[in-house]
Amino acid sequence: MLKLHKLVSTSLGIGYIGKGGGTVAAVAACLCLYALHQAGGDRLVGWLPLVTALLTLLGVWSANEVEPYWGKDDKKVVIDEVAGMCISLLFLPITGSSLLAGLVLFRFFDIAKPLYIRKLEKVSGGWGVMLDDVVAGVYANFILQLFLYFKIL
């Protein structure tokens, strides 16, 4: 079972890249969303809220399970970036510009950790691993929704 949690928490091994693994995982999430959109249009992307919720819960569980072996919020754990990236694109049209803007905004909030995001890392266990990226995704999504409303996107 530990092997499965390592596979999940590293987003199918992306986390083993090391430095930059979080960005690679976020880009991979964007590529998957773009491919899903191309394959089935809005019909498949309509499942994104459910998939995102499941990814987040699975990420909490897997991060909890690998923490005793790898330590608190190890850089190999990148499922949080995948979930956060998905959150940043919820309820938005999947286009090249929305994906690029979402990626830039999400990574900004995830790396800079403004507006109390950094405090969320202090939460224990898998929730501490996931919450900062969840909130970074929410902040990015809020700005993207404003961009969409004002027709900037």
N, C-alpha and C. Protein backbone atom coordinates (compact mmCIF):
# COMPACT_ATOMS: atom_id res chain seq x y z
N MET A 1 0.82 -1.20 0.00
CA MET A 1 0.00 0.00 0.00
C MET A 1 0.87 1.27 0.00
N LEU A 2 2.02 1.20 0.66
CA LEU A 2 2.92 2.36 0.69
C LEU A 2 3.37 2.73 -0.72
N LYS A 3 3.62 1.73 -1.56
CA LYS A 3 4.03 2.02 -2.94
C LYS A 3 2.95 2.81 -3.67
N LEU A 4 1.69 2.47 -3.43
CA LEU A 4 0.58 3.19 -4.06
C LEU A 4 0.55 4.64 -3.57
N HIS A 5 0.75 4.86 -2.27
CA HIS A 5 0.75 6.22 -1.74
C HIS A 5 1.94 7.03 -2.27
N LYS A 6 3.06 6.38 -2.46
CA LYS A 6 4.20 7.08 -3.06
C LYS A 6 3.90 7.45 -4.51
N LEU A 7 3.25 6.56 -5.23
CA LEU A 7 2.89 6.83 -6.62
C LEU A 7 1.90 7.99 -6.70
N VAL A 8 0.91 8.00 -5.82
CA VAL A 8 -0.09 9.07 -5.80
C VAL A 8 0.54 10.38 -5.37
N SER A 9 1.26 10.36 -4.26
CA SER A 9 1.81 11.61 -3.72
C SER A 9 2.84 12.25 -4.65
N THR A 10 3.52 11.44 -5.45
CA THR A 10 4.49 11.98 -6.41
C THR A 10 3.86 12.26 -7.78
N SER A 11 2.56 12.10 -7.86
CA SER A 11 1.83 12.29 -9.13
C SER A 11 2.45 11.45 -10.24
N LEU A 12 2.42 10.15 -10.01
CA LEU A 12 2.94 9.15 -10.95
C LEU A 12 4.44 9.30 -11.19
N GLY A 13 5.17 9.76 -10.16
CA GLY A 13 6.62 9.83 -10.23
C GLY A 13 7.19 11.20 -10.53
N ILE A 14 6.37 12.17 -10.87
CA ILE A 14 6.86 13.51 -11.19
C ILE A 14 7.67 14.09 -10.03
N GLY A 15 7.25 13.81 -8.80
CA GLY A 15 7.92 14.36 -7.63
C GLY A 15 9.37 13.94 -7.49
N TYR A 16 9.75 12.86 -8.14
CA TYR A 16 11.14 12.40 -8.06
C TYR A 16 12.08 13.27 -8.90
N ILE A 17 11.54 14.16 -9.70
CA ILE A 17 12.37 15.07 -10.50
C ILE A 17 13.27 15.90 -9.60
N GLY A 18 12.73 16.26 -8.42
CA GLY A 18 13.51 17.09 -7.49
C GLY A 18 13.14 18.54 -7.65
N LYS A 19 14.15 19.39 -7.80
CA LYS A 19 13.91 20.83 -7.91
C LYS A 19 13.03 21.12 -9.13
N GLY A 20 11.96 21.86 -8.90
CA GLY A 20 11.04 22.19 -9.99
C GLY A 20 9.94 21.18 -10.19
N GLY A 21 9.89 20.16 -9.34
CA GLY A 21 8.88 19.12 -9.48
C GLY A 21 7.46 19.65 -9.35
N GLY A 22 7.26 20.63 -8.48
CA GLY A 22 5.93 21.22 -8.31
C GLY A 22 5.46 21.92 -9.58
N THR A 23 6.36 22.63 -10.22
CA THR A 23 6.01 23.32 -11.47
C THR A 23 5.73 22.30 -12.57
N VAL A 24 6.55 21.26 -12.64
CA VAL A 24 6.34 20.21 -13.64
C VAL A 24 4.98 19.54 -13.41
N ALA A 25 4.63 19.28 -12.15
CA ALA A 25 3.34 18.67 -11.84
C ALA A 25 2.19 19.58 -12.24
N ALA A 26 2.32 20.89 -12.00
CA ALA A 26 1.28 21.84 -12.38
C ALA A 26 1.14 21.90 -13.91
N VAL A 27 2.26 21.90 -14.61
CA VAL A 27 2.23 21.90 -16.08
C VAL A 27 1.58 20.61 -16.58
N ALA A 28 1.92 19.48 -15.96
CA ALA A 28 1.32 18.20 -16.36
C ALA A 28 -0.19 18.23 -16.17
N ALA A 29 -0.64 18.84 -15.08
CA ALA A 29 -2.09 18.97 -14.85
C ALA A 29 -2.73 19.80 -15.96
N CYS A 30 -2.08 20.89 -16.35
CA CYS A 30 -2.59 21.72 -17.44
C CYS A 30 -2.67 20.93 -18.74
N LEU A 31 -1.63 20.18 -19.03
CA LEU A 31 -1.61 19.38 -20.26
C LEU A 31 -2.72 18.33 -20.26
N CYS A 32 -2.94 17.71 -19.11
CA CYS A 32 -4.03 16.72 -19.00
C CYS A 32 -5.38 17.38 -19.21
N LEU A 33 -5.59 18.54 -18.60
CA LEU A 33 -6.86 19.25 -18.78
C LEU A 33 -7.07 19.66 -20.23
N TYR A 34 -6.00 20.12 -20.86
CA TYR A 34 -6.10 20.51 -22.27
C TYR A 34 -6.43 19.29 -23.14
N ALA A 35 -5.77 18.17 -22.88
CA ALA A 35 -6.03 16.95 -23.64
C ALA A 35 -7.47 16.46 -23.43
N LEU A 36 -7.94 16.51 -22.19
CA LEU A 36 -9.33 16.12 -21.91
C LEU A 36 -10.31 17.03 -22.64
N HIS A 37 -10.02 18.31 -22.63
CA HIS A 37 -10.89 19.26 -23.32
C HIS A 37 -10.91 18.98 -24.83
N GLN A 38 -9.76 18.70 -25.40
CA GLN A 38 -9.68 18.40 -26.83
C GLN A 38 -10.41 17.10 -27.17
N ALA A 39 -10.34 16.14 -26.26
CA ALA A 39 -10.95 14.83 -26.51
C ALA A 39 -12.47 14.86 -26.38
N GLY A 40 -12.97 15.60 -25.40
CA GLY A 40 -14.40 15.55 -25.15
C GLY A 40 -15.06 16.87 -24.90
N GLY A 41 -14.33 17.94 -25.07
CA GLY A 41 -14.92 19.26 -24.87
C GLY A 41 -15.34 19.49 -23.43
N ASP A 42 -16.34 20.32 -23.27
CA ASP A 42 -16.81 20.69 -21.94
C ASP A 42 -17.46 19.52 -21.21
N ARG A 43 -17.88 18.51 -21.94
CA ARG A 43 -18.51 17.34 -21.31
C ARG A 43 -17.56 16.67 -20.32
N LEU A 44 -16.32 16.44 -20.72
CA LEU A 44 -15.35 15.80 -19.83
C LEU A 44 -14.84 16.77 -18.77
N VAL A 45 -14.63 18.02 -19.13
CA VAL A 45 -14.14 19.01 -18.17
C VAL A 45 -15.22 19.30 -17.12
N GLY A 46 -16.47 19.01 -17.42
CA GLY A 46 -17.55 19.17 -16.46
C GLY A 46 -17.38 18.29 -15.23
N TRP A 47 -16.57 17.27 -15.35
CA TRP A 47 -16.27 16.39 -14.23
C TRP A 47 -15.16 16.95 -13.34
N LEU A 48 -14.57 18.07 -13.74
CA LEU A 48 -13.42 18.61 -13.02
C LEU A 48 -13.68 18.88 -11.53
N PRO A 49 -14.82 19.42 -11.12
CA PRO A 49 -15.03 19.63 -9.68
C PRO A 49 -14.96 18.32 -8.87
N LEU A 50 -15.57 17.28 -9.37
CA LEU A 50 -15.55 15.99 -8.67
C LEU A 50 -14.13 15.40 -8.66
N VAL A 51 -13.48 15.43 -9.80
CA VAL A 51 -12.12 14.90 -9.90
C VAL A 51 -11.18 15.68 -8.98
N THR A 52 -11.35 16.99 -8.94
CA THR A 52 -10.51 17.83 -8.08
C THR A 52 -10.72 17.51 -6.61
N ALA A 53 -11.97 17.33 -6.20
CA ALA A 53 -12.26 16.97 -4.81
C ALA A 53 -11.64 15.62 -4.46
N LEU A 54 -11.76 14.66 -5.37
CA LEU A 54 -11.18 13.33 -5.13
C LEU A 54 -9.65 13.39 -5.08
N LEU A 55 -9.05 14.16 -5.97
CA LEU A 55 -7.59 14.33 -5.96
C LEU A 55 -7.12 14.95 -4.64
N THR A 56 -7.86 15.92 -4.17
CA THR A 56 -7.50 16.60 -2.93
C THR A 56 -7.57 15.63 -1.75
N LEU A 57 -8.66 14.89 -1.65
CA LEU A 57 -8.80 13.94 -0.55
C LEU A 57 -7.78 12.81 -0.64
N LEU A 58 -7.53 12.33 -1.85
CA LEU A 58 -6.52 11.31 -2.05
C LEU A 58 -5.13 11.85 -1.69
N GLY A 59 -4.90 13.12 -2.02
CA GLY A 59 -3.63 13.77 -1.68
C GLY A 59 -3.43 13.88 -0.19
N VAL A 60 -4.48 14.23 0.55
CA VAL A 60 -4.40 14.31 2.01
C VAL A 60 -4.03 12.94 2.57
N TRP A 61 -4.72 11.92 2.11
CA TRP A 61 -4.49 10.55 2.59
C TRP A 61 -3.06 10.10 2.28
N SER A 62 -2.64 10.27 1.04
CA SER A 62 -1.30 9.81 0.64
C SER A 62 -0.19 10.61 1.31
N ALA A 63 -0.38 11.91 1.45
CA ALA A 63 0.63 12.74 2.14
C ALA A 63 0.76 12.30 3.60
N ASN A 64 -0.34 11.95 4.22
CA ASN A 64 -0.30 11.42 5.59
C ASN A 64 0.52 10.14 5.65
N GLU A 65 0.34 9.29 4.67
CA GLU A 65 0.99 7.98 4.68
C GLU A 65 2.49 8.04 4.38
N VAL A 66 2.92 8.98 3.55
CA VAL A 66 4.35 9.05 3.22
C VAL A 66 5.13 9.94 4.18
N GLU A 67 4.44 10.76 4.95
CA GLU A 67 5.12 11.68 5.87
C GLU A 67 6.04 10.98 6.87
N PRO A 68 5.66 9.85 7.46
CA PRO A 68 6.58 9.18 8.38
C PRO A 68 7.90 8.73 7.72
N TYR A 69 7.90 8.52 6.43
CA TYR A 69 9.08 8.05 5.70
C TYR A 69 9.89 9.20 5.11
N TRP A 70 9.20 10.22 4.59
CA TRP A 70 9.86 11.30 3.88
C TRP A 70 9.96 12.59 4.69
N GLY A 71 9.18 12.72 5.74
CA GLY A 71 9.17 13.95 6.52
C GLY A 71 8.03 14.86 6.09
N LYS A 72 7.90 15.96 6.83
CA LYS A 72 6.80 16.92 6.61
C LYS A 72 6.93 17.62 5.26
N ASP A 73 5.90 17.50 4.45
CA ASP A 73 5.79 18.19 3.15
C ASP A 73 7.06 18.08 2.31
N ASP A 74 7.51 16.86 2.11
CA ASP A 74 8.70 16.60 1.31
C ASP A 74 8.50 17.09 -0.12
N LYS A 75 9.60 17.53 -0.76
CA LYS A 75 9.49 18.07 -2.12
C LYS A 75 9.04 17.03 -3.13
N LYS A 76 9.13 15.74 -2.79
CA LYS A 76 8.65 14.71 -3.71
C LYS A 76 7.12 14.68 -3.79
N VAL A 77 6.46 15.19 -2.77
CA VAL A 77 5.00 15.20 -2.74
C VAL A 77 4.52 16.38 -3.60
N VAL A 78 3.95 16.06 -4.76
CA VAL A 78 3.50 17.11 -5.68
C VAL A 78 2.01 16.97 -6.04
N ILE A 79 1.32 16.02 -5.43
CA ILE A 79 -0.11 15.88 -5.69
C ILE A 79 -0.84 17.16 -5.27
N ASP A 80 -0.28 17.89 -4.31
CA ASP A 80 -0.88 19.15 -3.88
C ASP A 80 -0.85 20.19 -4.99
N GLU A 81 0.20 20.18 -5.79
CA GLU A 81 0.27 21.11 -6.93
C GLU A 81 -0.75 20.74 -8.01
N VAL A 82 -0.93 19.45 -8.23
CA VAL A 82 -1.91 19.00 -9.22
C VAL A 82 -3.32 19.43 -8.79
N ALA A 83 -3.66 19.17 -7.53
CA ALA A 83 -4.98 19.55 -7.03
C ALA A 83 -5.16 21.07 -7.05
N GLY A 84 -4.14 21.80 -6.62
CA GLY A 84 -4.22 23.26 -6.62
C GLY A 84 -4.38 23.83 -8.01
N MET A 85 -3.68 23.26 -8.96
CA MET A 85 -3.81 23.70 -10.35
C MET A 85 -5.22 23.45 -10.87
N CYS A 86 -5.78 22.31 -10.54
CA CYS A 86 -7.16 22.00 -10.94
C CYS A 86 -8.14 22.99 -10.31
N ILE A 87 -7.92 23.33 -9.05
CA ILE A 87 -8.80 24.29 -8.38
C ILE A 87 -8.73 25.64 -9.06
N SER A 88 -7.54 26.03 -9.49
CA SER A 88 -7.40 27.35 -10.12
C SER A 88 -8.17 27.44 -11.44
N LEU A 89 -8.51 26.30 -12.04
CA LEU A 89 -9.21 26.31 -13.33
C LEU A 89 -10.67 25.89 -13.25
N LEU A 90 -11.17 25.67 -12.03
CA LEU A 90 -12.58 25.28 -11.88
C LEU A 90 -13.52 26.34 -12.45
N PHE A 91 -14.54 25.88 -13.16
CA PHE A 91 -15.61 26.73 -13.68
C PHE A 91 -15.11 27.81 -14.65
N LEU A 92 -14.04 27.48 -15.36
CA LEU A 92 -13.48 28.38 -16.36
C LEU A 92 -13.39 27.64 -17.69
N PRO A 93 -13.46 28.37 -18.79
CA PRO A 93 -13.25 27.70 -20.08
C PRO A 93 -11.79 27.27 -20.18
N ILE A 94 -11.57 26.10 -20.73
CA ILE A 94 -10.21 25.59 -20.89
C ILE A 94 -9.71 26.05 -22.25
N THR A 95 -8.86 27.07 -22.21
CA THR A 95 -8.23 27.62 -23.41
C THR A 95 -6.74 27.75 -23.14
N GLY A 96 -6.00 28.00 -24.18
CA GLY A 96 -4.57 28.22 -23.99
C GLY A 96 -4.29 29.37 -23.05
N SER A 97 -5.04 30.46 -23.20
CA SER A 97 -4.79 31.63 -22.35
C SER A 97 -5.22 31.39 -20.90
N SER A 98 -6.33 30.67 -20.68
CA SER A 98 -6.74 30.40 -19.31
C SER A 98 -5.76 29.45 -18.62
N LEU A 99 -5.26 28.46 -19.36
CA LEU A 99 -4.29 27.53 -18.80
C LEU A 99 -2.99 28.25 -18.43
N LEU A 100 -2.50 29.10 -19.33
CA LEU A 100 -1.26 29.82 -19.06
C LEU A 100 -1.43 30.80 -17.91
N ALA A 101 -2.51 31.58 -17.92
CA ALA A 101 -2.75 32.53 -16.84
C ALA A 101 -2.96 31.79 -15.52
N GLY A 102 -3.69 30.68 -15.55
CA GLY A 102 -3.90 29.89 -14.34
C GLY A 102 -2.60 29.33 -13.78
N LEU A 103 -1.76 28.85 -14.67
CA LEU A 103 -0.47 28.30 -14.25
C LEU A 103 0.39 29.39 -13.59
N VAL A 104 0.48 30.53 -14.23
CA VAL A 104 1.30 31.63 -13.69
C VAL A 104 0.76 32.10 -12.34
N LEU A 105 -0.55 32.32 -12.27
CA LEU A 105 -1.14 32.79 -11.02
C LEU A 105 -1.03 31.75 -9.91
N PHE A 106 -1.33 30.49 -10.22
CA PHE A 106 -1.25 29.45 -9.21
C PHE A 106 0.17 29.33 -8.68
N ARG A 107 1.16 29.27 -9.57
CA ARG A 107 2.54 29.12 -9.12
C ARG A 107 2.99 30.35 -8.32
N PHE A 108 2.53 31.54 -8.71
CA PHE A 108 2.85 32.73 -7.92
C PHE A 108 2.36 32.58 -6.49
N PHE A 109 1.07 32.26 -6.33
CA PHE A 109 0.51 32.13 -4.99
C PHE A 109 1.13 30.96 -4.22
N ASP A 110 1.45 29.88 -4.93
CA ASP A 110 2.03 28.71 -4.28
C ASP A 110 3.46 28.97 -3.81
N ILE A 111 4.23 29.70 -4.59
CA ILE A 111 5.62 29.95 -4.24
C ILE A 111 5.75 31.13 -3.27
N ALA A 112 5.08 32.25 -3.56
CA ALA A 112 5.19 33.45 -2.72
C ALA A 112 4.45 33.29 -1.39
N LYS A 113 3.36 32.55 -1.41
CA LYS A 113 2.53 32.28 -0.22
C LYS A 113 2.09 33.55 0.51
N PRO A 114 1.48 34.49 -0.22
CA PRO A 114 0.97 35.70 0.45
C PRO A 114 -0.39 35.43 1.11
N LEU A 115 -0.91 36.42 1.78
CA LEU A 115 -2.28 36.40 2.31
C LEU A 115 -2.56 35.17 3.17
N TYR A 116 -1.70 34.91 4.12
CA TYR A 116 -1.89 33.84 5.11
C TYR A 116 -1.73 32.42 4.57
N ILE A 117 -1.31 32.27 3.32
CA ILE A 117 -1.13 30.91 2.79
C ILE A 117 -0.04 30.19 3.56
N ARG A 118 1.05 30.88 3.88
CA ARG A 118 2.17 30.25 4.57
C ARG A 118 1.74 29.63 5.91
N LYS A 119 0.82 30.27 6.60
CA LYS A 119 0.37 29.75 7.90
C LYS A 119 -0.31 28.39 7.76
N LEU A 120 -0.88 28.11 6.61
CA LEU A 120 -1.57 26.84 6.41
C LEU A 120 -0.61 25.66 6.37
N GLU A 121 0.65 25.91 6.06
CA GLU A 121 1.64 24.82 6.05
C GLU A 121 1.86 24.26 7.45
N LYS A 122 1.51 25.02 8.46
CA LYS A 122 1.73 24.58 9.84
C LYS A 122 0.68 23.58 10.32
N VAL A 123 -0.39 23.42 9.54
CA VAL A 123 -1.40 22.42 9.88
C VAL A 123 -0.73 21.05 9.77
N SER A 124 -1.03 20.17 10.69
CA SER A 124 -0.33 18.88 10.71
C SER A 124 -0.86 17.91 9.65
N GLY A 125 0.01 16.97 9.31
CA GLY A 125 -0.36 15.88 8.42
C GLY A 125 -0.64 16.29 6.99
N GLY A 126 -1.42 15.44 6.34
CA GLY A 126 -1.74 15.64 4.93
C GLY A 126 -2.50 16.93 4.65
N TRP A 127 -3.32 17.36 5.61
CA TRP A 127 -4.05 18.62 5.40
C TRP A 127 -3.08 19.79 5.31
N GLY A 128 -2.01 19.77 6.09
CA GLY A 128 -1.01 20.83 6.02
C GLY A 128 -0.29 20.86 4.69
N VAL A 129 -0.10 19.68 4.10
CA VAL A 129 0.54 19.58 2.79
C VAL A 129 -0.39 20.16 1.72
N MET A 130 -1.66 19.85 1.81
CA MET A 130 -2.61 20.19 0.75
C MET A 130 -3.20 21.60 0.87
N LEU A 131 -3.45 22.07 2.08
CA LEU A 131 -4.23 23.31 2.26
C LEU A 131 -3.60 24.54 1.63
N ASP A 132 -2.28 24.69 1.73
CA ASP A 132 -1.67 25.88 1.14
C ASP A 132 -1.88 25.92 -0.37
N ASP A 133 -1.82 24.76 -1.01
CA ASP A 133 -2.02 24.70 -2.47
C ASP A 133 -3.50 24.86 -2.83
N VAL A 134 -4.37 24.34 -1.99
CA VAL A 134 -5.81 24.52 -2.21
C VAL A 134 -6.14 26.01 -2.18
N VAL A 135 -5.64 26.72 -1.19
CA VAL A 135 -5.93 28.16 -1.08
C VAL A 135 -5.24 28.94 -2.19
N ALA A 136 -4.03 28.55 -2.56
CA ALA A 136 -3.36 29.19 -3.71
C ALA A 136 -4.21 29.02 -4.96
N GLY A 137 -4.79 27.84 -5.14
CA GLY A 137 -5.69 27.59 -6.28
C GLY A 137 -6.95 28.43 -6.21
N VAL A 138 -7.50 28.60 -5.01
CA VAL A 138 -8.70 29.43 -4.84
C VAL A 138 -8.38 30.88 -5.19
N TYR A 139 -7.26 31.40 -4.71
CA TYR A 139 -6.88 32.78 -5.03
C TYR A 139 -6.67 32.96 -6.53
N ALA A 140 -5.98 32.02 -7.15
CA ALA A 140 -5.76 32.09 -8.59
C ALA A 140 -7.09 32.05 -9.34
N ASN A 141 -7.98 31.16 -8.90
CA ASN A 141 -9.29 31.04 -9.54
C ASN A 141 -10.08 32.34 -9.42
N PHE A 142 -10.03 32.96 -8.26
CA PHE A 142 -10.75 34.22 -8.05
C PHE A 142 -10.28 35.28 -9.06
N ILE A 143 -8.98 35.40 -9.23
CA ILE A 143 -8.44 36.38 -10.17
C ILE A 143 -8.81 36.00 -11.60
N LEU A 144 -8.74 34.73 -11.93
CA LEU A 144 -9.13 34.29 -13.27
C LEU A 144 -10.61 34.55 -13.54
N GLN A 145 -11.45 34.36 -12.53
CA GLN A 145 -12.88 34.67 -12.70
C GLN A 145 -13.07 36.16 -12.97
N LEU A 146 -12.30 37.00 -12.29
CA LEU A 146 -12.36 38.45 -12.56
C LEU A 146 -11.89 38.75 -13.99
N PHE A 147 -10.81 38.10 -14.40
CA PHE A 147 -10.33 38.27 -15.78
C PHE A 147 -11.41 37.90 -16.78
N LEU A 148 -12.10 36.80 -16.52
CA LEU A 148 -13.16 36.34 -17.41
C LEU A 148 -14.32 37.34 -17.41
N TYR A 149 -14.70 37.81 -16.24
CA TYR A 149 -15.82 38.75 -16.12
C TYR A 149 -15.52 40.06 -16.88
N PHE A 150 -14.29 40.54 -16.76
CA PHE A 150 -13.93 41.78 -17.42
C PHE A 150 -13.37 41.56 -18.82
N LYS A 151 -13.53 40.33 -19.31
CA LYS A 151 -13.14 39.95 -20.67
C LYS A 151 -11.64 40.16 -20.96
N ILE A 152 -10.84 39.95 -19.93
CA ILE A 152 -9.39 40.01 -20.10
C ILE A 152 -8.88 38.66 -20.59
N LEU A 153 -9.60 37.62 -20.25
CA LEU A 153 -9.24 36.26 -20.67
C LEU A 153 -9.99 35.87 -21.92
